[in-house]
């Protein structure tokens, strides 16, 4: 990966270990033609949909995104990651705001 760009959630550690790699932690995925990388599971879905869109068109990418129940293209990079504490579960085991059917 000499001189290549890398998208990675642990970018600082990667940059220290491989100083010749240009780490771009703000990008969910990188497409350098022959070299493609993603920085996490959701970014892997983003990259997969990008490849479908690039190779087969937006219509098929949109169809696949619907099957995955995800956006066909997300903007905003890794800033979408929110390090927020989870709320406590309700006594029924569901997060607050969810309802149950009886």
PDB file of N, CA and C in Angstrom:
ATOM      1  N   UNK A   1       0.815  -1.179   0.000  1.00  0.00           N
ATOM      2  CA  UNK A   1       0.000   0.000   0.000  1.00  0.00           C
ATOM      3  C   UNK A   1       0.869   1.256   0.000  1.00  0.00           C
ATOM      4  N   UNK A   2       2.029   1.169  -0.498  1.00  0.00           N
ATOM      5  CA  UNK A   2       2.927   2.315  -0.516  1.00  0.00           C
ATOM      6  C   UNK A   2       2.343   3.459  -1.325  1.00  0.00           C
ATOM      7  N   UNK A   3       2.193   4.616  -0.676  1.00  0.00           N
ATOM      8  CA  UNK A   3       1.693   5.798  -1.360  1.00  0.00           C
ATOM      9  C   UNK A   3       0.205   5.789  -1.633  1.00  0.00           C
ATOM     10  N   UNK A   4      -0.474   4.698  -1.277  1.00  0.00           N
ATOM     11  CA  UNK A   4      -1.908   4.619  -1.525  1.00  0.00           C
ATOM     12  C   UNK A   4      -2.677   5.331  -0.423  1.00  0.00           C
ATOM     13  N   UNK A   5      -3.942   5.625  -0.713  1.00  0.00           N
ATOM     14  CA  UNK A   5      -4.816   6.237   0.286  1.00  0.00           C
ATOM     15  C   UNK A   5      -5.597   5.147   0.992  1.00  0.00           C
ATOM     16  N   UNK A   6      -5.896   5.366   2.237  1.00  0.00           N
ATOM     17  CA  UNK A   6      -6.622   4.399   3.037  1.00  0.00           C
ATOM     18  C   UNK A   6      -7.683   5.101   3.859  1.00  0.00           C
ATOM     19  N   UNK A   7      -8.879   4.535   3.900  1.00  0.00           N
ATOM     20  CA  UNK A   7      -9.945   5.008   4.767  1.00  0.00           C
ATOM     21  C   UNK A   7     -10.051   4.002   5.896  1.00  0.00           C
ATOM     22  N   UNK A   8     -10.020   4.449   7.139  1.00  0.00           N
ATOM     23  CA  UNK A   8      -9.916   3.520   8.242  1.00  0.00           C
ATOM     24  C   UNK A   8     -10.365   4.186   9.525  1.00  0.00           C
ATOM     25  N   UNK A   9     -11.159   3.507  10.315  1.00  0.00           N
ATOM     26  CA  UNK A   9     -11.667   4.097  11.545  1.00  0.00           C
ATOM     27  C   UNK A   9     -10.578   4.284  12.599  1.00  0.00           C
ATOM     28  N   UNK A  10      -9.514   3.536  12.538  1.00  0.00           N
ATOM     29  CA  UNK A  10      -8.389   3.685  13.461  1.00  0.00           C
ATOM     30  C   UNK A  10      -7.227   4.322  12.723  1.00  0.00           C
ATOM     31  N   UNK A  11      -7.529   5.431  12.065  1.00  0.00           N
ATOM     32  CA  UNK A  11      -6.574   6.087  11.180  1.00  0.00           C
ATOM     33  C   UNK A  11      -5.266   6.479  11.819  1.00  0.00           C
ATOM     34  N   UNK A  12      -5.282   6.986  13.048  1.00  0.00           N
ATOM     35  CA  UNK A  12      -4.040   7.429  13.692  1.00  0.00           C
ATOM     36  C   UNK A  12      -3.082   6.254  13.891  1.00  0.00           C
ATOM     37  N   UNK A  13      -3.595   5.128  14.333  1.00  0.00           N
ATOM     38  CA  UNK A  13      -2.746   3.947  14.534  1.00  0.00           C
ATOM     39  C   UNK A  13      -2.209   3.433  13.203  1.00  0.00           C
ATOM     40  N   UNK A  14      -3.032   3.435  12.185  1.00  0.00           N
ATOM     41  CA  UNK A  14      -2.608   2.984  10.863  1.00  0.00           C
ATOM     42  C   UNK A  14      -1.515   3.903  10.313  1.00  0.00           C
ATOM     43  N   UNK A  15      -1.708   5.211  10.479  1.00  0.00           N
ATOM     44  CA  UNK A  15      -0.727   6.178   9.984  1.00  0.00           C
ATOM     45  C   UNK A  15       0.622   6.007  10.680  1.00  0.00           C
ATOM     46  N   UNK A  16       0.601   5.718  11.982  1.00  0.00           N
ATOM     47  CA  UNK A  16       1.866   5.487  12.704  1.00  0.00           C
ATOM     48  C   UNK A  16       2.561   4.223  12.204  1.00  0.00           C
ATOM     49  N   UNK A  17       1.803   3.185  12.004  1.00  0.00           N
ATOM     50  CA  UNK A  17       2.390   1.906  11.607  1.00  0.00           C
ATOM     51  C   UNK A  17       2.845   1.908  10.146  1.00  0.00           C
ATOM     52  N   UNK A  18       2.134   2.645   9.290  1.00  0.00           N
ATOM     53  CA  UNK A  18       2.453   2.691   7.864  1.00  0.00           C
ATOM     54  C   UNK A  18       2.538   4.149   7.410  1.00  0.00           C
ATOM     55  N   UNK A  19       3.636   4.829   7.713  1.00  0.00           N
ATOM     56  CA  UNK A  19       3.731   6.262   7.432  1.00  0.00           C
ATOM     57  C   UNK A  19       3.660   6.626   5.949  1.00  0.00           C
ATOM     58  N   UNK A  20       3.876   5.685   5.046  1.00  0.00           N
ATOM     59  CA  UNK A  20       3.813   5.999   3.613  1.00  0.00           C
ATOM     60  C   UNK A  20       2.396   5.928   3.061  1.00  0.00           C
ATOM     61  N   UNK A  21       1.448   5.515   3.887  1.00  0.00           N
ATOM     62  CA  UNK A  21       0.046   5.463   3.472  1.00  0.00           C
ATOM     63  C   UNK A  21      -0.614   6.776   3.858  1.00  0.00           C
ATOM     64  N   UNK A  22      -1.325   7.382   2.938  1.00  0.00           N
ATOM     65  CA  UNK A  22      -2.064   8.610   3.203  1.00  0.00           C
ATOM     66  C   UNK A  22      -3.422   8.234   3.794  1.00  0.00           C
ATOM     67  N   UNK A  23      -3.527   8.310   5.115  1.00  0.00           N
ATOM     68  CA  UNK A  23      -4.761   7.933   5.808  1.00  0.00           C
ATOM     69  C   UNK A  23      -5.744   9.090   5.738  1.00  0.00           C
ATOM     70  N   UNK A  24      -6.971   8.797   5.337  1.00  0.00           N
ATOM     71  CA  UNK A  24      -8.025   9.806   5.227  1.00  0.00           C
ATOM     72  C   UNK A  24      -9.237   9.337   6.023  1.00  0.00           C
ATOM     73  N   UNK A  25      -9.173   9.465   7.356  1.00  0.00           N
ATOM     74  CA  UNK A  25     -10.238   8.916   8.201  1.00  0.00           C
ATOM     75  C   UNK A  25     -11.597   9.570   8.006  1.00  0.00           C
ATOM     76  N   UNK A  26     -11.662  10.730   7.364  1.00  0.00           N
ATOM     77  CA  UNK A  26     -12.950  11.388   7.153  1.00  0.00           C
ATOM     78  C   UNK A  26     -13.732  10.757   6.003  1.00  0.00           C
ATOM     79  N   UNK A  27     -13.092   9.927   5.210  1.00  0.00           N
ATOM     80  CA  UNK A  27     -13.746   9.294   4.059  1.00  0.00           C
ATOM     81  C   UNK A  27     -14.250   7.900   4.438  1.00  0.00           C
ATOM     82  N   UNK A  28     -15.519   7.583   4.161  1.00  0.00           N
ATOM     83  CA  UNK A  28     -16.004   6.235   4.470  1.00  0.00           C
ATOM     84  C   UNK A  28     -15.401   5.169   3.556  1.00  0.00           C
ATOM     85  N   UNK A  29     -15.096   5.546   2.321  1.00  0.00           N
ATOM     86  CA  UNK A  29     -14.428   4.617   1.412  1.00  0.00           C
ATOM     87  C   UNK A  29     -13.592   5.402   0.419  1.00  0.00           C
ATOM     88  N   UNK A  30     -12.622   4.701  -0.180  1.00  0.00           N
ATOM     89  CA  UNK A  30     -11.713   5.291  -1.159  1.00  0.00           C
ATOM     90  C   UNK A  30     -11.765   4.426  -2.413  1.00  0.00           C
ATOM     91  N   UNK A  31     -11.890   5.058  -3.569  1.00  0.00           N
ATOM     92  CA  UNK A  31     -11.830   4.362  -4.857  1.00  0.00           C
ATOM     93  C   UNK A  31     -10.687   4.969  -5.651  1.00  0.00           C
ATOM     94  N   UNK A  32      -9.605   4.226  -5.732  1.00  0.00           N
ATOM     95  CA  UNK A  32      -8.431   4.660  -6.502  1.00  0.00           C
ATOM     96  C   UNK A  32      -8.293   3.839  -7.779  1.00  0.00           C
ATOM     97  N   UNK A  33      -9.405   3.353  -8.300  1.00  0.00           N
ATOM     98  CA  UNK A  33      -9.364   2.559  -9.522  1.00  0.00           C
ATOM     99  C   UNK A  33      -9.132   1.083  -9.217  1.00  0.00           C
ATOM    100  N   UNK A  34      -7.865   0.675  -9.160  1.00  0.00           N
ATOM    101  CA  UNK A  34      -7.526  -0.723  -8.868  1.00  0.00           C
ATOM    102  C   UNK A  34      -7.515  -1.018  -7.369  1.00  0.00           C
ATOM    103  N   UNK A  35      -7.387   0.017  -6.532  1.00  0.00           N
ATOM    104  CA  UNK A  35      -7.332  -0.145  -5.074  1.00  0.00           C
ATOM    105  C   UNK A  35      -8.562   0.515  -4.466  1.00  0.00           C
ATOM    106  N   UNK A  36      -9.352  -0.289  -3.753  1.00  0.00           N
ATOM    107  CA  UNK A  36     -10.536   0.230  -3.076  1.00  0.00           C
ATOM    108  C   UNK A  36     -10.479  -0.209  -1.620  1.00  0.00           C
ATOM    109  N   UNK A  37     -10.814   0.706  -0.713  1.00  0.00           N
ATOM    110  CA  UNK A  37     -10.826   0.375   0.710  1.00  0.00           C
ATOM    111  C   UNK A  37     -12.025   1.041   1.362  1.00  0.00           C
ATOM    112  N   UNK A  38     -12.446   0.471   2.486  1.00  0.00           N
ATOM    113  CA  UNK A  38     -13.520   1.087   3.262  1.00  0.00           C
ATOM    114  C   UNK A  38     -13.144   1.033   4.731  1.00  0.00           C
ATOM    115  N   UNK A  39     -13.788   1.886   5.513  1.00  0.00           N
ATOM    116  CA  UNK A  39     -13.424   2.014   6.916  1.00  0.00           C
ATOM    117  C   UNK A  39     -14.502   1.537   7.859  1.00  0.00           C
ATOM    118  N   UNK A  40     -15.029   0.361   7.705  1.00  0.00           N
ATOM    119  CA  UNK A  40     -16.031  -0.167   8.621  1.00  0.00           C
ATOM    120  C   UNK A  40     -17.118  -0.918   7.875  1.00  0.00           C
ATOM    121  N   UNK A  41     -18.010  -1.509   8.638  1.00  0.00           N
ATOM    122  CA  UNK A  41     -19.069  -2.332   8.049  1.00  0.00           C
ATOM    123  C   UNK A  41     -20.023  -1.489   7.200  1.00  0.00           C
ATOM    124  N   UNK A  42     -20.538  -0.391   7.754  1.00  0.00           N
ATOM    125  CA  UNK A  42     -21.451   0.455   6.981  1.00  0.00           C
ATOM    126  C   UNK A  42     -20.737   1.053   5.778  1.00  0.00           C
ATOM    127  N   UNK A  43     -19.468   1.425   5.949  1.00  0.00           N
ATOM    128  CA  UNK A  43     -18.693   1.957   4.829  1.00  0.00           C
ATOM    129  C   UNK A  43     -18.472   0.884   3.770  1.00  0.00           C
ATOM    130  N   UNK A  44     -18.399  -0.377   4.192  1.00  0.00           N
ATOM    131  CA  UNK A  44     -18.300  -1.474   3.237  1.00  0.00           C
ATOM    132  C   UNK A  44     -19.548  -1.580   2.382  1.00  0.00           C
ATOM    133  N   UNK A  45     -20.714  -1.345   3.001  1.00  0.00           N
ATOM    134  CA  UNK A  45     -21.960  -1.307   2.226  1.00  0.00           C
ATOM    135  C   UNK A  45     -21.949  -0.127   1.269  1.00  0.00           C
ATOM    136  N   UNK A  46     -21.475   1.027   1.769  1.00  0.00           N
ATOM    137  CA  UNK A  46     -21.369   2.209   0.903  1.00  0.00           C
ATOM    138  C   UNK A  46     -20.477   1.922  -0.296  1.00  0.00           C
ATOM    139  N   UNK A  47     -19.340   1.294  -0.044  1.00  0.00           N
ATOM    140  CA  UNK A  47     -18.397   0.971  -1.121  1.00  0.00           C
ATOM    141  C   UNK A  47     -19.023  -0.026  -2.092  1.00  0.00           C
ATOM    142  N   UNK A  48     -19.719  -1.024  -1.571  1.00  0.00           N
ATOM    143  CA  UNK A  48     -20.360  -2.009  -2.440  1.00  0.00           C
ATOM    144  C   UNK A  48     -21.388  -1.351  -3.361  1.00  0.00           C
ATOM    145  N   UNK A  49     -22.205  -0.462  -2.796  1.00  0.00           N
ATOM    146  CA  UNK A  49     -23.184   0.248  -3.617  1.00  0.00           C
ATOM    147  C   UNK A  49     -22.504   1.177  -4.614  1.00  0.00           C
ATOM    148  N   UNK A  50     -21.389   1.767  -4.220  1.00  0.00           N
ATOM    149  CA  UNK A  50     -20.611   2.609  -5.142  1.00  0.00           C
ATOM    150  C   UNK A  50     -20.129   1.775  -6.335  1.00  0.00           C
ATOM    151  N   UNK A  51     -19.626   0.571  -6.057  1.00  0.00           N
ATOM    152  CA  UNK A  51     -19.149  -0.296  -7.144  1.00  0.00           C
ATOM    153  C   UNK A  51     -20.284  -0.696  -8.076  1.00  0.00           C
ATOM    154  N   UNK A  52     -21.435  -1.023  -7.502  1.00  0.00           N
ATOM    155  CA  UNK A  52     -22.589  -1.368  -8.336  1.00  0.00           C
ATOM    156  C   UNK A  52     -22.982  -0.171  -9.196  1.00  0.00           C
ATOM    157  N   UNK A  53     -23.028   1.022  -8.579  1.00  0.00           N
ATOM    158  CA  UNK A  53     -23.380   2.239  -9.313  1.00  0.00           C
ATOM    159  C   UNK A  53     -22.369   2.530 -10.415  1.00  0.00           C
ATOM    160  N   UNK A  54     -21.075   2.385 -10.072  1.00  0.00           N
ATOM    161  CA  UNK A  54     -20.015   2.665 -11.048  1.00  0.00           C
ATOM    162  C   UNK A  54     -20.050   1.682 -12.213  1.00  0.00           C
ATOM    163  N   UNK A  55     -20.232   0.407 -11.915  1.00  0.00           N
ATOM    164  CA  UNK A  55     -20.130  -0.629 -12.935  1.00  0.00           C
ATOM    165  C   UNK A  55     -21.450  -0.952 -13.638  1.00  0.00           C
ATOM    166  N   UNK A  56     -22.586  -0.707 -12.962  1.00  0.00           N
ATOM    167  CA  UNK A  56     -23.870  -1.136 -13.526  1.00  0.00           C
ATOM    168  C   UNK A  56     -24.945  -0.057 -13.531  1.00  0.00           C
ATOM    169  N   UNK A  57     -24.645   1.112 -12.990  1.00  0.00           N
ATOM    170  CA  UNK A  57     -25.586   2.230 -13.034  1.00  0.00           C
ATOM    171  C   UNK A  57     -26.343   2.458 -11.743  1.00  0.00           C
ATOM    172  N   UNK A  58     -26.876   3.663 -11.643  1.00  0.00           N
ATOM    173  CA  UNK A  58     -27.576   4.088 -10.431  1.00  0.00           C
ATOM    174  C   UNK A  58     -28.863   3.302 -10.193  1.00  0.00           C
ATOM    175  N   UNK A  59     -29.532   2.901 -11.261  1.00  0.00           N
ATOM    176  CA  UNK A  59     -30.800   2.183 -11.083  1.00  0.00           C
ATOM    177  C   UNK A  59     -30.604   0.886 -10.308  1.00  0.00           C
ATOM    178  N   UNK A  60     -29.613   0.087 -10.699  1.00  0.00           N
ATOM    179  CA  UNK A  60     -29.356  -1.166  -9.994  1.00  0.00           C
ATOM    180  C   UNK A  60     -28.846  -0.891  -8.578  1.00  0.00           C
ATOM    181  N   UNK A  61     -27.999   0.114  -8.411  1.00  0.00           N
ATOM    182  CA  UNK A  61     -27.503   0.459  -7.069  1.00  0.00           C
ATOM    183  C   UNK A  61     -28.662   0.859  -6.159  1.00  0.00           C
ATOM    184  N   UNK A  62     -29.593   1.621  -6.689  1.00  0.00           N
ATOM    185  CA  UNK A  62     -30.758   2.023  -5.899  1.00  0.00           C
ATOM    186  C   UNK A  62     -31.621   0.828  -5.521  1.00  0.00           C
ATOM    187  N   UNK A  63     -31.792  -0.118  -6.447  1.00  0.00           N
ATOM    188  CA  UNK A  63     -32.559  -1.330  -6.150  1.00  0.00           C
ATOM    189  C   UNK A  63     -31.891  -2.131  -5.036  1.00  0.00           C
ATOM    190  N   UNK A  64     -30.582  -2.268  -5.116  1.00  0.00           N
ATOM    191  CA  UNK A  64     -29.857  -3.022  -4.090  1.00  0.00           C
ATOM    192  C   UNK A  64     -29.911  -2.302  -2.746  1.00  0.00           C
ATOM    193  N   UNK A  65     -29.829  -0.982  -2.757  1.00  0.00           N
ATOM    194  CA  UNK A  65     -29.919  -0.210  -1.512  1.00  0.00           C
ATOM    195  C   UNK A  65     -31.276  -0.432  -0.849  1.00  0.00           C
ATOM    196  N   UNK A  66     -32.334  -0.480  -1.642  1.00  0.00           N
ATOM    197  CA  UNK A  66     -33.659  -0.744  -1.078  1.00  0.00           C
ATOM    198  C   UNK A  66     -33.702  -2.120  -0.426  1.00  0.00           C
ATOM    199  N   UNK A  67     -33.096  -3.113  -1.063  1.00  0.00           N
ATOM    200  CA  UNK A  67     -33.056  -4.454  -0.474  1.00  0.00           C
ATOM    201  C   UNK A  67     -32.280  -4.473   0.838  1.00  0.00           C
ATOM    202  N   UNK A  68     -31.243  -3.643   0.930  1.00  0.00           N
ATOM    203  CA  UNK A  68     -30.412  -3.557   2.136  1.00  0.00           C
ATOM    204  C   UNK A  68     -31.012  -2.622   3.184  1.00  0.00           C
ATOM    205  N   UNK A  69     -32.092  -1.923   2.819  1.00  0.00           N
ATOM    206  CA  UNK A  69     -32.729  -0.924   3.675  1.00  0.00           C
ATOM    207  C   UNK A  69     -31.691   0.110   4.118  1.00  0.00           C
ATOM    208  N   UNK A  70     -31.008   0.689   3.143  1.00  0.00           N
ATOM    209  CA  UNK A  70     -30.011   1.723   3.390  1.00  0.00           C
ATOM    210  C   UNK A  70     -30.096   2.772   2.292  1.00  0.00           C
ATOM    211  N   UNK A  71     -29.470   3.894   2.532  1.00  0.00           N
ATOM    212  CA  UNK A  71     -29.450   4.952   1.521  1.00  0.00           C
ATOM    213  C   UNK A  71     -28.575   4.514   0.353  1.00  0.00           C
ATOM    214  N   UNK A  72     -28.975   4.839  -0.884  1.00  0.00           N
ATOM    215  CA  UNK A  72     -28.152   4.456  -2.034  1.00  0.00           C
ATOM    216  C   UNK A  72     -26.812   5.174  -2.069  1.00  0.00           C
ATOM    217  N   UNK A  73     -26.764   6.371  -1.472  1.00  0.00           N
ATOM    218  CA  UNK A  73     -25.495   7.103  -1.381  1.00  0.00           C
ATOM    219  C   UNK A  73     -25.569   8.015  -0.165  1.00  0.00           C
ATOM    220  N   UNK A  74     -24.657   7.811   0.770  1.00  0.00           N
ATOM    221  CA  UNK A  74     -24.624   8.662   1.962  1.00  0.00           C
ATOM    222  C   UNK A  74     -23.537   9.716   1.791  1.00  0.00           C
ATOM    223  N   UNK A  75     -23.837  10.916   2.209  1.00  0.00           N
ATOM    224  CA  UNK A  75     -22.842  11.979   2.201  1.00  0.00           C
ATOM    225  C   UNK A  75     -22.459  12.281   3.643  1.00  0.00           C
ATOM    226  N   UNK A  76     -21.357  12.941   3.829  1.00  0.00           N
ATOM    227  CA  UNK A  76     -20.979  13.352   5.176  1.00  0.00           C
ATOM    228  C   UNK A  76     -19.797  12.618   5.744  1.00  0.00           C
ATOM    229  N   UNK A  77     -19.316  11.600   5.068  1.00  0.00           N
ATOM    230  CA  UNK A  77     -18.118  10.904   5.527  1.00  0.00           C
ATOM    231  C   UNK A  77     -18.269  10.285   6.899  1.00  0.00           C
ATOM    232  N   UNK A  78     -17.150  10.085   7.569  1.00  0.00           N
ATOM    233  CA  UNK A  78     -17.132   9.441   8.870  1.00  0.00           C
ATOM    234  C   UNK A  78     -17.764  10.322   9.932  1.00  0.00           C
ATOM    235  N   UNK A  79     -18.045  11.589   9.623  1.00  0.00           N
ATOM    236  CA  UNK A  79     -18.706  12.459  10.584  1.00  0.00           C
ATOM    237  C   UNK A  79     -20.080  11.920  10.962  1.00  0.00           C
ATOM    238  N   UNK A  80     -20.605  10.958  10.185  1.00  0.00           N
ATOM    239  CA  UNK A  80     -21.890  10.350  10.520  1.00  0.00           C
ATOM    240  C   UNK A  80     -21.796   9.504  11.775  1.00  0.00           C
ATOM    241  N   UNK A  81     -20.588   9.099  12.131  1.00  0.00           N
ATOM    242  CA  UNK A  81     -20.396   8.302  13.332  1.00  0.00           C
ATOM    243  C   UNK A  81     -20.621   9.187  14.543  1.00  0.00           C
ATOM    244  N   UNK A  82     -21.525   8.807  15.406  1.00  0.00           N
ATOM    245  CA  UNK A  82     -21.810   9.588  16.610  1.00  0.00           C
ATOM    246  C   UNK A  82     -21.471   8.752  17.827  1.00  0.00           C
ATOM    247  N   UNK A  83     -20.545   9.219  18.622  1.00  0.00           N
ATOM    248  CA  UNK A  83     -20.125   8.521  19.830  1.00  0.00           C
ATOM    249  C   UNK A  83     -20.994   8.973  20.994  1.00  0.00           C
ATOM    250  N   UNK A  84     -22.264   8.548  20.968  1.00  0.00           N
ATOM    251  CA  UNK A  84     -23.215   8.937  21.992  1.00  0.00           C
ATOM    252  C   UNK A  84     -23.526   7.749  22.887  1.00  0.00           C
ATOM    253  N   UNK A  85     -23.765   7.997  24.169  1.00  0.00           N
ATOM    254  CA  UNK A  85     -24.131   6.887  25.056  1.00  0.00           C
ATOM    255  C   UNK A  85     -25.514   6.362  24.704  1.00  0.00           C
ATOM    256  N   UNK A  86     -25.698   5.084  24.896  1.00  0.00           N
ATOM    257  CA  UNK A  86     -26.999   4.472  24.659  1.00  0.00           C
ATOM    258  C   UNK A  86     -27.912   4.774  25.834  1.00  0.00           C
ATOM    259  N   UNK A  87     -29.191   4.901  25.571  1.00  0.00           N
ATOM    260  CA  UNK A  87     -30.146   5.092  26.652  1.00  0.00           C
ATOM    261  C   UNK A  87     -30.422   3.748  27.296  1.00  0.00           C
ATOM    262  N   UNK A  88     -30.836   3.784  28.520  1.00  0.00           N
ATOM    263  CA  UNK A  88     -31.145   2.548  29.238  1.00  0.00           C
ATOM    264  C   UNK A  88     -32.363   1.882  28.609  1.00  0.00           C
ATOM    265  N   UNK A  89     -32.361   0.570  28.608  1.00  0.00           N
ATOM    266  CA  UNK A  89     -33.486  -0.176  28.073  1.00  0.00           C
ATOM    267  C   UNK A  89     -34.665  -0.103  29.037  1.00  0.00           C
ATOM    268  N   UNK A  90     -35.842  -0.116  28.483  1.00  0.00           N
ATOM    269  CA  UNK A  90     -37.066  -0.144  29.280  1.00  0.00           C
ATOM    270  C   UNK A  90     -37.220  -1.536  29.893  1.00  0.00           C
ATOM    271  N   UNK A  91     -38.095  -1.678  30.899  1.00  0.00           N
ATOM    272  CA  UNK A  91     -38.279  -2.998  31.528  1.00  0.00           C
ATOM    273  C   UNK A  91     -38.639  -4.113  30.552  1.00  0.00           C
ATOM    274  N   UNK A  92     -39.292  -3.753  29.417  1.00  0.00           N
ATOM    275  CA  UNK A  92     -39.660  -4.780  28.444  1.00  0.00           C
ATOM    276  C   UNK A  92     -38.495  -5.130  27.524  1.00  0.00           C
ATOM    277  N   UNK A  93     -37.327  -4.495  27.732  1.00  0.00           N
ATOM    278  CA  UNK A  93     -36.145  -4.810  26.933  1.00  0.00           C
ATOM    279  C   UNK A  93     -35.986  -3.955  25.699  1.00  0.00           C
ATOM    280  N   UNK A  94     -36.978  -3.095  25.408  1.00  0.00           N
ATOM    281  CA  UNK A  94     -36.906  -2.238  24.230  1.00  0.00           C
ATOM    282  C   UNK A  94     -36.376  -0.870  24.626  1.00  0.00           C
ATOM    283  N   UNK A  95     -35.740  -0.207  23.696  1.00  0.00           N
ATOM    284  CA  UNK A  95     -35.264   1.148  23.933  1.00  0.00           C
ATOM    285  C   UNK A  95     -36.466   2.071  24.086  1.00  0.00           C
ATOM    286  N   UNK A  96     -36.334   3.136  24.869  1.00  0.00           N
ATOM    287  CA  UNK A  96     -37.441   4.092  25.007  1.00  0.00           C
ATOM    288  C   UNK A  96     -37.901   4.585  23.642  1.00  0.00           C
ATOM    289  N   UNK A  97     -39.207   4.748  23.496  1.00  0.00           N
ATOM    290  CA  UNK A  97     -39.769   5.225  22.239  1.00  0.00           C
ATOM    291  C   UNK A  97     -40.321   4.104  21.359  1.00  0.00           C
ATOM    292  N   UNK A  98     -39.942   2.858  21.636  1.00  0.00           N
ATOM    293  CA  UNK A  98     -40.458   1.736  20.871  1.00  0.00           C
ATOM    294  C   UNK A  98     -41.748   1.255  21.539  1.00  0.00           C
ATOM    295  N   UNK A  99     -42.644   0.759  20.763  1.00  0.00           N
ATOM    296  CA  UNK A  99     -43.891   0.243  21.305  1.00  0.00           C
ATOM    297  C   UNK A  99     -43.980  -1.244  21.020  1.00  0.00           C
ATOM    298  N   UNK A 100     -44.787  -1.907  21.782  1.00  0.00           N
ATOM    299  CA  UNK A 100     -44.996  -3.328  21.572  1.00  0.00           C
ATOM    300  C   UNK A 100     -46.444  -3.577  21.209  1.00  0.00           C
ATOM    301  N   UNK A 101     -46.697  -4.646  20.523  1.00  0.00           N
ATOM    302  CA  UNK A 101     -48.054  -5.064  20.178  1.00  0.00           C
ATOM    303  C   UNK A 101     -48.393  -6.266  21.032  1.00  0.00           C
ATOM    304  N   UNK A 102     -49.584  -6.293  21.563  1.00  0.00           N
ATOM    305  CA  UNK A 102     -50.003  -7.442  22.381  1.00  0.00           C
ATOM    306  C   UNK A 102     -51.173  -8.136  21.766  1.00  0.00           C
TER     307      UNK A 102
END
